[in-house]
Amino acid sequence: MPSGKKKEEIKKELTKAPAATQVADIEYIEGIGPEYGKALKKAGINTTEDLRKMSLVQIAEVTEISPKLLFKWQCMADLFRVRRAAEQYSEFIFEMGIETTKELSEQKPEELLNKIQNFHKDVSQKSGWHGKIKKVPTLNDVELWISSAKELVKKT
């Protein structure tokens, strides 16, 4: 977690409406700690948007970070833009098999909530998996994610 602002202050910024998109320091992506963060920042990738927009091949060449890991982080950076999903749920959504905001925008809220509940139940029983979530989102949360994802898709 990057230093500076308190975690609570940043969480308020990340989850407040009406922003249609969210951008944060690169280290807010789950799995990018200080070591990877330093390598990415040295390559000019300071924010989640920088990571999302830069070519995976270029990042891999400059940083020597595994393309597979970079792909996951780029997908998570894309999902990070979704209002109120950001830091807490982007990895969880990715691990469910939804890799982009476009894919998220195409989901039906009730079906997605059902998938989330089932996936959460499955991973809660696995030891060592770090993508666990503290709270299963509500239908209202899921509807907001899908709406936000649709807004983001329209902009691209």
N, C-alpha and C. Protein backbone atom coordinates (compact mmCIF):
# COMPACT_ATOMS: atom_id res chain seq x y z
N MET A 1 0.85 -1.18 0.00
CA MET A 1 0.00 0.00 0.00
C MET A 1 0.89 1.23 0.00
N PRO A 2 0.62 2.17 -0.91
CA PRO A 2 1.43 3.36 -0.97
C PRO A 2 1.28 4.21 0.29
N SER A 3 2.34 4.94 0.60
CA SER A 3 2.28 5.78 1.79
C SER A 3 1.63 7.11 1.45
N GLY A 4 1.44 7.93 2.46
CA GLY A 4 0.83 9.24 2.24
C GLY A 4 -0.49 9.32 2.95
N LYS A 5 -1.57 9.25 2.21
CA LYS A 5 -2.90 9.36 2.79
C LYS A 5 -3.23 8.13 3.62
N LYS A 6 -4.09 8.33 4.58
CA LYS A 6 -4.56 7.21 5.39
C LYS A 6 -5.48 6.33 4.55
N LYS A 7 -5.47 5.05 4.85
CA LYS A 7 -6.26 4.08 4.09
C LYS A 7 -7.74 4.46 4.07
N GLU A 8 -8.27 4.93 5.20
CA GLU A 8 -9.69 5.30 5.27
C GLU A 8 -10.00 6.46 4.32
N GLU A 9 -9.08 7.46 4.26
CA GLU A 9 -9.28 8.60 3.36
C GLU A 9 -9.33 8.14 1.91
N ILE A 10 -8.43 7.25 1.57
CA ILE A 10 -8.35 6.77 0.20
C ILE A 10 -9.58 5.93 -0.13
N LYS A 11 -10.02 5.09 0.79
CA LYS A 11 -11.21 4.27 0.54
C LYS A 11 -12.42 5.16 0.28
N LYS A 12 -12.55 6.26 1.03
CA LYS A 12 -13.66 7.18 0.79
C LYS A 12 -13.59 7.74 -0.62
N GLU A 13 -12.38 8.13 -1.05
CA GLU A 13 -12.20 8.67 -2.39
C GLU A 13 -12.54 7.63 -3.45
N LEU A 14 -12.14 6.39 -3.22
CA LEU A 14 -12.34 5.34 -4.21
C LEU A 14 -13.79 4.90 -4.33
N THR A 15 -14.57 5.03 -3.27
CA THR A 15 -15.92 4.48 -3.32
C THR A 15 -17.02 5.53 -3.46
N LYS A 16 -16.66 6.80 -3.38
CA LYS A 16 -17.73 7.80 -3.46
C LYS A 16 -18.25 7.94 -4.89
N ALA A 17 -19.53 8.19 -5.02
CA ALA A 17 -20.13 8.50 -6.30
C ALA A 17 -20.04 10.01 -6.46
N PRO A 18 -20.16 10.59 -7.61
CA PRO A 18 -20.63 10.05 -8.85
C PRO A 18 -19.53 9.68 -9.85
N ALA A 19 -18.28 9.66 -9.46
CA ALA A 19 -17.22 9.36 -10.41
C ALA A 19 -17.49 8.05 -11.13
N ALA A 20 -17.38 8.08 -12.45
CA ALA A 20 -17.66 6.89 -13.25
C ALA A 20 -16.44 5.99 -13.31
N THR A 21 -15.29 6.51 -12.95
CA THR A 21 -14.07 5.72 -13.01
C THR A 21 -13.20 6.04 -11.81
N GLN A 22 -12.30 5.15 -11.51
CA GLN A 22 -11.42 5.33 -10.37
C GLN A 22 -9.99 5.06 -10.81
N VAL A 23 -9.08 5.86 -10.30
CA VAL A 23 -7.66 5.71 -10.60
C VAL A 23 -6.94 5.80 -9.27
N ALA A 24 -5.92 4.97 -9.10
CA ALA A 24 -5.16 4.99 -7.85
C ALA A 24 -3.71 4.63 -8.14
N ASP A 25 -2.90 4.76 -7.13
CA ASP A 25 -1.50 4.36 -7.20
C ASP A 25 -1.43 2.89 -7.60
N ILE A 26 -0.45 2.55 -8.37
CA ILE A 26 -0.29 1.20 -8.92
C ILE A 26 -0.29 0.12 -7.84
N GLU A 27 0.20 0.45 -6.66
CA GLU A 27 0.30 -0.54 -5.60
C GLU A 27 -1.05 -0.93 -4.99
N TYR A 28 -2.13 -0.27 -5.42
CA TYR A 28 -3.45 -0.66 -4.96
C TYR A 28 -3.97 -1.91 -5.67
N ILE A 29 -3.30 -2.31 -6.73
CA ILE A 29 -3.66 -3.56 -7.39
C ILE A 29 -3.12 -4.69 -6.53
N GLU A 30 -3.99 -5.61 -6.18
CA GLU A 30 -3.60 -6.75 -5.34
C GLU A 30 -2.45 -7.50 -5.98
N GLY A 31 -1.37 -7.70 -5.22
CA GLY A 31 -0.21 -8.43 -5.73
C GLY A 31 0.94 -7.53 -6.15
N ILE A 32 0.67 -6.24 -6.32
CA ILE A 32 1.74 -5.30 -6.64
C ILE A 32 2.15 -4.63 -5.34
N GLY A 33 3.20 -5.13 -4.79
CA GLY A 33 3.73 -4.54 -3.56
C GLY A 33 4.85 -3.57 -3.89
N PRO A 34 5.63 -3.21 -2.88
CA PRO A 34 6.70 -2.23 -3.08
C PRO A 34 7.74 -2.64 -4.14
N GLU A 35 8.10 -3.92 -4.18
CA GLU A 35 9.13 -4.35 -5.14
C GLU A 35 8.64 -4.23 -6.58
N TYR A 36 7.49 -4.82 -6.88
CA TYR A 36 6.93 -4.69 -8.23
C TYR A 36 6.55 -3.24 -8.52
N GLY A 37 6.03 -2.56 -7.50
CA GLY A 37 5.65 -1.16 -7.67
C GLY A 37 6.84 -0.31 -8.09
N LYS A 38 7.98 -0.56 -7.49
CA LYS A 38 9.20 0.19 -7.82
C LYS A 38 9.60 -0.05 -9.28
N ALA A 39 9.55 -1.31 -9.69
CA ALA A 39 9.91 -1.65 -11.08
C ALA A 39 8.94 -1.01 -12.08
N LEU A 40 7.67 -1.04 -11.75
CA LEU A 40 6.67 -0.44 -12.64
C LEU A 40 6.81 1.08 -12.70
N LYS A 41 7.03 1.68 -11.55
CA LYS A 41 7.18 3.14 -11.51
C LYS A 41 8.44 3.59 -12.26
N LYS A 42 9.48 2.79 -12.17
CA LYS A 42 10.71 3.09 -12.90
C LYS A 42 10.44 3.08 -14.41
N ALA A 43 9.46 2.27 -14.84
CA ALA A 43 9.08 2.19 -16.25
C ALA A 43 8.02 3.24 -16.61
N GLY A 44 7.68 4.13 -15.67
CA GLY A 44 6.72 5.18 -15.95
C GLY A 44 5.27 4.81 -15.68
N ILE A 45 5.07 3.71 -14.99
CA ILE A 45 3.71 3.24 -14.69
C ILE A 45 3.45 3.54 -13.21
N ASN A 46 2.74 4.64 -12.97
CA ASN A 46 2.51 5.09 -11.60
C ASN A 46 1.10 4.83 -11.10
N THR A 47 0.15 4.74 -12.02
CA THR A 47 -1.25 4.59 -11.62
C THR A 47 -1.88 3.37 -12.29
N THR A 48 -3.07 3.04 -11.81
CA THR A 48 -3.81 1.92 -12.40
C THR A 48 -4.12 2.21 -13.87
N GLU A 49 -4.36 3.47 -14.21
CA GLU A 49 -4.63 3.83 -15.62
C GLU A 49 -3.39 3.68 -16.47
N ASP A 50 -2.22 4.05 -15.95
CA ASP A 50 -0.97 3.86 -16.69
C ASP A 50 -0.79 2.39 -17.05
N LEU A 51 -1.03 1.53 -16.07
CA LEU A 51 -0.88 0.09 -16.28
C LEU A 51 -1.89 -0.42 -17.31
N ARG A 52 -3.11 0.03 -17.21
CA ARG A 52 -4.17 -0.41 -18.12
C ARG A 52 -3.88 -0.03 -19.55
N LYS A 53 -3.33 1.15 -19.76
CA LYS A 53 -3.16 1.68 -21.10
C LYS A 53 -1.88 1.24 -21.82
N MET A 54 -0.86 0.87 -21.06
CA MET A 54 0.42 0.55 -21.68
C MET A 54 0.43 -0.88 -22.24
N SER A 55 1.18 -1.07 -23.30
CA SER A 55 1.31 -2.38 -23.93
C SER A 55 1.93 -3.39 -22.97
N LEU A 56 1.30 -4.54 -22.87
CA LEU A 56 1.80 -5.61 -22.02
C LEU A 56 3.22 -6.01 -22.44
N VAL A 57 3.45 -6.10 -23.73
CA VAL A 57 4.78 -6.49 -24.25
C VAL A 57 5.83 -5.46 -23.83
N GLN A 58 5.50 -4.18 -23.96
CA GLN A 58 6.44 -3.14 -23.56
C GLN A 58 6.75 -3.21 -22.07
N ILE A 59 5.73 -3.39 -21.26
CA ILE A 59 5.94 -3.46 -19.81
C ILE A 59 6.83 -4.66 -19.48
N ALA A 60 6.54 -5.81 -20.08
CA ALA A 60 7.32 -7.03 -19.81
C ALA A 60 8.78 -6.83 -20.21
N GLU A 61 9.01 -6.20 -21.36
CA GLU A 61 10.39 -5.99 -21.81
C GLU A 61 11.15 -5.05 -20.88
N VAL A 62 10.50 -3.99 -20.44
CA VAL A 62 11.17 -2.99 -19.62
C VAL A 62 11.36 -3.47 -18.18
N THR A 63 10.37 -4.16 -17.64
CA THR A 63 10.41 -4.53 -16.21
C THR A 63 10.89 -5.96 -15.96
N GLU A 64 10.82 -6.80 -16.98
CA GLU A 64 11.13 -8.23 -16.85
C GLU A 64 10.17 -8.95 -15.91
N ILE A 65 8.98 -8.41 -15.77
CA ILE A 65 7.92 -9.07 -14.99
C ILE A 65 7.19 -10.01 -15.93
N SER A 66 6.78 -11.15 -15.42
CA SER A 66 6.09 -12.17 -16.20
C SER A 66 4.87 -11.61 -16.95
N PRO A 67 4.76 -11.87 -18.26
CA PRO A 67 3.59 -11.41 -19.01
C PRO A 67 2.27 -11.94 -18.42
N LYS A 68 2.30 -13.15 -17.90
CA LYS A 68 1.08 -13.72 -17.31
C LYS A 68 0.63 -12.89 -16.10
N LEU A 69 1.57 -12.50 -15.26
CA LEU A 69 1.26 -11.67 -14.10
C LEU A 69 0.82 -10.28 -14.55
N LEU A 70 1.49 -9.72 -15.53
CA LEU A 70 1.12 -8.41 -16.06
C LEU A 70 -0.28 -8.43 -16.65
N PHE A 71 -0.62 -9.51 -17.35
CA PHE A 71 -1.97 -9.63 -17.92
C PHE A 71 -3.02 -9.56 -16.81
N LYS A 72 -2.79 -10.30 -15.75
CA LYS A 72 -3.74 -10.29 -14.63
C LYS A 72 -3.86 -8.89 -14.06
N TRP A 73 -2.72 -8.23 -13.86
CA TRP A 73 -2.74 -6.88 -13.29
C TRP A 73 -3.42 -5.89 -14.22
N GLN A 74 -3.21 -6.04 -15.53
CA GLN A 74 -3.88 -5.13 -16.47
C GLN A 74 -5.39 -5.34 -16.44
N CYS A 75 -5.82 -6.58 -16.36
CA CYS A 75 -7.26 -6.86 -16.24
C CYS A 75 -7.81 -6.26 -14.95
N MET A 76 -7.07 -6.43 -13.87
CA MET A 76 -7.52 -5.89 -12.59
C MET A 76 -7.54 -4.37 -12.63
N ALA A 77 -6.58 -3.74 -13.33
CA ALA A 77 -6.57 -2.28 -13.48
C ALA A 77 -7.79 -1.82 -14.27
N ASP A 78 -8.18 -2.60 -15.27
CA ASP A 78 -9.39 -2.28 -16.03
C ASP A 78 -10.61 -2.37 -15.11
N LEU A 79 -10.72 -3.44 -14.36
CA LEU A 79 -11.85 -3.63 -13.44
C LEU A 79 -11.81 -2.63 -12.28
N PHE A 80 -10.62 -2.17 -11.94
CA PHE A 80 -10.44 -1.21 -10.85
C PHE A 80 -11.20 0.08 -11.14
N ARG A 81 -11.41 0.39 -12.42
CA ARG A 81 -12.12 1.61 -12.81
C ARG A 81 -13.59 1.59 -12.42
N VAL A 82 -14.12 0.41 -12.21
CA VAL A 82 -15.56 0.26 -11.94
C VAL A 82 -15.88 0.79 -10.55
N ARG A 83 -16.82 1.71 -10.52
CA ARG A 83 -17.22 2.34 -9.27
C ARG A 83 -17.60 1.31 -8.22
N ARG A 84 -17.05 1.48 -7.05
CA ARG A 84 -17.29 0.66 -5.86
C ARG A 84 -16.86 -0.80 -5.97
N ALA A 85 -16.18 -1.16 -7.04
CA ALA A 85 -15.62 -2.51 -7.13
C ALA A 85 -14.14 -2.43 -6.82
N ALA A 86 -13.50 -1.45 -7.40
CA ALA A 86 -12.09 -1.13 -7.26
C ALA A 86 -11.24 -2.13 -6.49
N GLU A 87 -10.61 -1.64 -5.45
CA GLU A 87 -9.60 -2.40 -4.73
C GLU A 87 -10.14 -3.70 -4.13
N GLN A 88 -11.29 -3.66 -3.53
CA GLN A 88 -11.79 -4.82 -2.79
C GLN A 88 -12.21 -5.97 -3.70
N TYR A 89 -12.79 -5.68 -4.85
CA TYR A 89 -13.39 -6.74 -5.65
C TYR A 89 -12.74 -7.02 -7.00
N SER A 90 -11.79 -6.18 -7.45
CA SER A 90 -11.26 -6.36 -8.80
C SER A 90 -10.59 -7.73 -8.98
N GLU A 91 -9.81 -8.17 -8.01
CA GLU A 91 -9.18 -9.49 -8.14
C GLU A 91 -10.23 -10.60 -8.07
N PHE A 92 -11.19 -10.46 -7.20
CA PHE A 92 -12.24 -11.46 -7.06
C PHE A 92 -13.01 -11.62 -8.37
N ILE A 93 -13.37 -10.49 -8.98
CA ILE A 93 -14.10 -10.52 -10.25
C ILE A 93 -13.24 -11.18 -11.33
N PHE A 94 -11.95 -10.82 -11.36
CA PHE A 94 -11.03 -11.42 -12.33
C PHE A 94 -10.95 -12.93 -12.14
N GLU A 95 -10.79 -13.37 -10.91
CA GLU A 95 -10.65 -14.80 -10.63
C GLU A 95 -11.93 -15.58 -10.96
N MET A 96 -13.06 -14.87 -11.02
CA MET A 96 -14.31 -15.52 -11.43
C MET A 96 -14.37 -15.72 -12.94
N GLY A 97 -13.42 -15.11 -13.66
CA GLY A 97 -13.38 -15.27 -15.10
C GLY A 97 -13.86 -14.05 -15.88
N ILE A 98 -14.16 -12.97 -15.19
CA ILE A 98 -14.55 -11.73 -15.85
C ILE A 98 -13.30 -10.86 -15.87
N GLU A 99 -12.75 -10.66 -17.08
CA GLU A 99 -11.44 -10.01 -17.19
C GLU A 99 -11.49 -8.54 -17.58
N THR A 100 -12.60 -8.06 -18.08
CA THR A 100 -12.66 -6.68 -18.56
C THR A 100 -13.96 -6.00 -18.14
N THR A 101 -13.94 -4.66 -18.22
CA THR A 101 -15.17 -3.92 -17.94
C THR A 101 -16.24 -4.25 -18.98
N LYS A 102 -15.82 -4.52 -20.21
CA LYS A 102 -16.79 -4.90 -21.26
C LYS A 102 -17.51 -6.18 -20.86
N GLU A 103 -16.75 -7.19 -20.42
CA GLU A 103 -17.37 -8.45 -19.98
C GLU A 103 -18.29 -8.21 -18.79
N LEU A 104 -17.86 -7.36 -17.86
CA LEU A 104 -18.70 -7.06 -16.71
C LEU A 104 -19.98 -6.35 -17.14
N SER A 105 -19.87 -5.45 -18.10
CA SER A 105 -21.04 -4.70 -18.56
C SER A 105 -22.10 -5.58 -19.20
N GLU A 106 -21.71 -6.75 -19.66
CA GLU A 106 -22.63 -7.67 -20.34
C GLU A 106 -23.33 -8.65 -19.39
N GLN A 107 -23.01 -8.56 -18.11
CA GLN A 107 -23.58 -9.49 -17.13
C GLN A 107 -25.00 -9.07 -16.74
N LYS A 108 -25.80 -10.05 -16.35
CA LYS A 108 -27.12 -9.81 -15.79
C LYS A 108 -26.96 -9.78 -14.27
N PRO A 109 -27.45 -8.74 -13.60
CA PRO A 109 -27.20 -8.57 -12.16
C PRO A 109 -27.51 -9.79 -11.29
N GLU A 110 -28.69 -10.37 -11.45
CA GLU A 110 -29.07 -11.49 -10.59
C GLU A 110 -28.17 -12.71 -10.83
N GLU A 111 -27.87 -12.97 -12.11
CA GLU A 111 -27.00 -14.10 -12.44
C GLU A 111 -25.58 -13.88 -11.90
N LEU A 112 -25.08 -12.65 -12.03
CA LEU A 112 -23.74 -12.36 -11.54
C LEU A 112 -23.69 -12.49 -10.02
N LEU A 113 -24.69 -11.98 -9.33
CA LEU A 113 -24.72 -12.11 -7.88
C LEU A 113 -24.72 -13.58 -7.47
N ASN A 114 -25.47 -14.40 -8.17
CA ASN A 114 -25.50 -15.84 -7.88
C ASN A 114 -24.11 -16.46 -8.09
N LYS A 115 -23.44 -16.08 -9.19
CA LYS A 115 -22.07 -16.58 -9.46
C LYS A 115 -21.12 -16.14 -8.35
N ILE A 116 -21.25 -14.89 -7.94
CA ILE A 116 -20.39 -14.35 -6.88
C ILE A 116 -20.60 -15.13 -5.58
N GLN A 117 -21.85 -15.36 -5.22
CA GLN A 117 -22.14 -16.08 -3.98
C GLN A 117 -21.57 -17.50 -4.02
N ASN A 118 -21.74 -18.18 -5.16
CA ASN A 118 -21.21 -19.54 -5.29
C ASN A 118 -19.68 -19.56 -5.29
N PHE A 119 -19.08 -18.63 -6.01
CA PHE A 119 -17.63 -18.57 -6.06
C PHE A 119 -17.06 -18.24 -4.69
N HIS A 120 -17.70 -17.31 -4.00
CA HIS A 120 -17.25 -16.94 -2.65
C HIS A 120 -17.30 -18.15 -1.71
N LYS A 121 -18.36 -18.92 -1.81
CA LYS A 121 -18.50 -20.12 -0.97
C LYS A 121 -17.38 -21.11 -1.27
N ASP A 122 -17.07 -21.29 -2.56
CA ASP A 122 -16.01 -22.22 -2.96
C ASP A 122 -14.64 -21.76 -2.46
N VAL A 123 -14.30 -20.48 -2.69
CA VAL A 123 -12.95 -20.01 -2.33
C VAL A 123 -12.79 -19.82 -0.83
N SER A 124 -13.86 -19.62 -0.13
CA SER A 124 -13.77 -19.48 1.33
C SER A 124 -13.26 -20.76 1.98
N GLN A 125 -13.45 -21.88 1.29
CA GLN A 125 -13.01 -23.16 1.82
C GLN A 125 -11.59 -23.52 1.41
N LYS A 126 -10.99 -22.71 0.52
CA LYS A 126 -9.61 -22.97 0.07
C LYS A 126 -8.64 -22.20 0.94
N SER A 127 -7.64 -22.90 1.42
CA SER A 127 -6.64 -22.20 2.24
C SER A 127 -5.60 -21.55 1.33
N GLY A 128 -5.15 -20.41 1.77
CA GLY A 128 -4.07 -19.74 1.06
C GLY A 128 -4.47 -18.87 -0.12
N TRP A 129 -5.74 -18.87 -0.50
CA TRP A 129 -6.13 -18.02 -1.62
C TRP A 129 -6.33 -16.62 -1.09
N HIS A 130 -5.64 -15.65 -1.69
CA HIS A 130 -5.64 -14.29 -1.16
C HIS A 130 -6.76 -13.41 -1.70
N GLY A 131 -7.53 -13.89 -2.64
CA GLY A 131 -8.57 -13.07 -3.24
C GLY A 131 -9.89 -13.10 -2.50
N LYS A 132 -9.85 -13.58 -1.27
CA LYS A 132 -11.10 -13.64 -0.50
C LYS A 132 -11.62 -12.23 -0.25
N ILE A 133 -12.91 -12.12 -0.11
CA ILE A 133 -13.52 -10.83 0.17
C ILE A 133 -14.13 -10.86 1.56
N LYS A 134 -14.19 -9.71 2.17
CA LYS A 134 -14.73 -9.63 3.53
C LYS A 134 -16.25 -9.69 3.53
N LYS A 135 -16.85 -9.11 2.49
CA LYS A 135 -18.30 -9.01 2.45
C LYS A 135 -18.77 -9.33 1.04
N VAL A 136 -19.75 -10.21 0.95
CA VAL A 136 -20.35 -10.50 -0.36
C VAL A 136 -21.18 -9.29 -0.75
N PRO A 137 -21.00 -8.80 -1.98
CA PRO A 137 -21.76 -7.63 -2.38
C PRO A 137 -23.25 -7.91 -2.46
N THR A 138 -24.02 -6.85 -2.38
CA THR A 138 -25.48 -6.96 -2.50
C THR A 138 -25.87 -6.86 -3.97
N LEU A 139 -27.12 -7.13 -4.26
CA LEU A 139 -27.63 -6.97 -5.61
C LEU A 139 -27.47 -5.51 -6.06
N ASN A 140 -27.71 -4.59 -5.16
CA ASN A 140 -27.54 -3.18 -5.47
C ASN A 140 -26.09 -2.87 -5.87
N ASP A 141 -25.11 -3.44 -5.15
CA ASP A 141 -23.70 -3.27 -5.49
C ASP A 141 -23.42 -3.77 -6.90
N VAL A 142 -23.89 -4.96 -7.19
CA VAL A 142 -23.66 -5.60 -8.49
C VAL A 142 -24.30 -4.78 -9.61
N GLU A 143 -25.49 -4.28 -9.36
CA GLU A 143 -26.16 -3.43 -10.36
C GLU A 143 -25.35 -2.16 -10.61
N LEU A 144 -24.79 -1.60 -9.55
CA LEU A 144 -23.96 -0.40 -9.68
C LEU A 144 -22.70 -0.71 -10.49
N TRP A 145 -22.06 -1.85 -10.23
CA TRP A 145 -20.86 -2.24 -10.99
C TRP A 145 -21.18 -2.33 -12.48
N ILE A 146 -22.27 -3.02 -12.78
CA ILE A 146 -22.64 -3.24 -14.18
C ILE A 146 -22.97 -1.90 -14.85
N SER A 147 -23.67 -1.05 -14.15
CA SER A 147 -23.99 0.28 -14.68
C SER A 147 -22.72 1.08 -14.93
N SER A 148 -21.82 1.07 -13.97
CA SER A 148 -20.55 1.78 -14.10
C SER A 148 -19.73 1.21 -15.26
N ALA A 149 -19.70 -0.11 -15.39
CA ALA A 149 -18.98 -0.76 -16.49
C ALA A 149 -19.57 -0.36 -17.84
N LYS A 150 -20.89 -0.27 -17.90
CA LYS A 150 -21.54 0.16 -19.16
C LYS A 150 -21.14 1.58 -19.52
N GLU A 151 -21.08 2.46 -18.52
CA GLU A 151 -20.65 3.85 -18.76
C GLU A 151 -19.22 3.87 -19.30
N LEU A 152 -18.36 3.06 -18.72
CA LEU A 152 -16.96 3.02 -19.14
C LEU A 152 -16.83 2.48 -20.56
N VAL A 153 -17.62 1.47 -20.90
CA VAL A 153 -17.57 0.88 -22.24
C VAL A 153 -18.03 1.90 -23.27
N LYS A 154 -19.05 2.68 -22.93
CA LYS A 154 -19.55 3.72 -23.86
C LYS A 154 -18.46 4.74 -24.17
N LYS A 155 -17.61 5.04 -23.20
CA LYS A 155 -16.57 6.05 -23.35
C LYS A 155 -15.40 5.58 -24.22
N THR A 156 -15.29 4.26 -24.39
CA THR A 156 -14.15 3.76 -25.16
C THR A 156 -14.51 3.43 -26.59
